[in-house]
Amino acid sequence: MSTLSTDVSRPLKITIAGVRGVVGETLTPELLVNFSQAFGTYIGPGRVLVSRDTRPSGVMVAPCVFSGLTASGCEVVDLGVCPTAALQVAVKDSDAVGGVAITAGHNDARWNALKFSREDGIYLNPQQAAELLNVYHQKEFAKARWDELRPVGRDDSAGERHLEAVRVQVDVDAIRAAQLKIAIDCTNGACSEFTPRLLEGLGCEVVAINDDPELSFPHEPRPTPPNLSQLRALVRAAGADAGFAHDADGDRLGVVTEDGEAPGEEYTLCLAAEMVLGRGDPGPVVTNLSTTMAVDDVARKYGREVVRTGIGQVFIAEAAFNYSAAIAGEGSGGIVFPAINYAHDSISALAHIVNLMAERGGPISGLIAEIPRYYIIKREVVCPPQRAYSVLEDLRRDIDAPWAEEINLDDGVKLIGADRWVHIRVSLTEPRIRVITEADAKGLAMDLADEYERKVERLL
């Protein structure tokens, strides 16, 4: 893995999650073309599908990607604006050799990124990402001759095919019979046209905001409680049965209850797992090291094992495939439904939670109340990427936590006790060190967060 940066304010991050940077500063046309040439060289000649989210820089980034892929001998098919999960379904269900998603997901509009999928629609794993990075650095790209260059094709149906794959997995009749009113905040992102269409087709009354893909993001696209104030007000004003919020590319999903409360994105996986495990889908639950202990309680209720991985969609997706999981996901609100694809899919998550509401009846707050309550605190410490791993190493050498029954070093440092845990790790997408704590008492979780945030800051 490689992380490059000129300084904290002008970052360029090259990791297993792809290449990500600030447009107009570090994410330049030259870099975009070169990385696309590297991917075309690595993946081999063949058809490559490309999608993007709605951020304005996509109109600059997309032609660079097309050029790099075409120059390396690939046949490019432009899917236009659609959820990244739709791209990954389209790659999996076609003869494409790979896919490129142009999206910075939950990052603000300054950022953009390239995320690379292989022929099964799963993001490149760490070994494959390292191999791609070697191709990029060597700059020995495949070069198609002038008479071998193929025109860019167009496919506008990927989003609708994804919606159909979702419909097949839920009980359409039960949802229609429930006559639910659902409020949604699409963040003017890639789900803006697709989620209302899906919900209306399921017989829901839809109240939508920020559903114009031509407009800018109305707030930071990360669907965390601080960014859900508009949706919370909408749910209360409209008398909706629930509210849901997407990020920019349909990766993550946030939830709001009928009384306008935002319980936190950790509950997205718990609710989706209740639906999938309750209907009897076989297999364990896969999640990451930073996700709430409540997932273990939900899995235990249905006699299922929980497999925990490092943080990152690629780890979740590969483990879900390898363990034949019933469901997988992260506390960020990114959920994988193996019956559809091995990708974070917020439209699928929304449909499954609506299905759960229809089958169980009663308010969504009641469904959440049935999930064991823990208190999770998420902090971030700004840190230059070149210092981050040294800070973690210093922290690792100075562990003093007599309450910890287990220390996990698979991804950063995680200290695990009977009623609490602390996880400190380097972000793959931002120049930050994340400090996450959880306990069965709010005061304990806050105290742990304060203690370890201070420890990280002292080591900078």
Foldseek 3Di string as FASTA:
>chain_A
DDWDQPWQVWGWFDALQFTKTFPPGPPDLVLLLLLLLLVLQLLDAEEEEEEEKLQPCCVVNVVSNLNSNLFLLYAYEYQYQAFLLLNLLVLQPDQGQWYWYWALWQAFSRMIGIFIGGSNSFTDDRVSSVVSVVSSVVSPGHGDDPVRGDDYHYDNCSRVVLLVLLVVVFDLVLLLVLQFEEEEEAQLMSCLPPLVVSCVSSNYHYHYDSSHSNDHGPDRQQQWVVGCPVVLVVLQVVQGLWYWYGGRRQFFIFIAWSNSHGPALLVLVVLLLCLQVVVPQDFAEEEEPQHDPLNVVSQVVSPHDYHYAHDDLNGFLVVCVVGVHCWYDYRSRFIAHVSRGSGRGNSSSVSSSSSVCSVVPDGVVVVVVVGQDKAKDKDKDQAIPVCFVVLLVVCVVDDDDPQFPDWDPNAGTWGDHPFKIWGWHADSSRRIIMIMMMGRDNVVRVVSSVVVVVSSVVSD
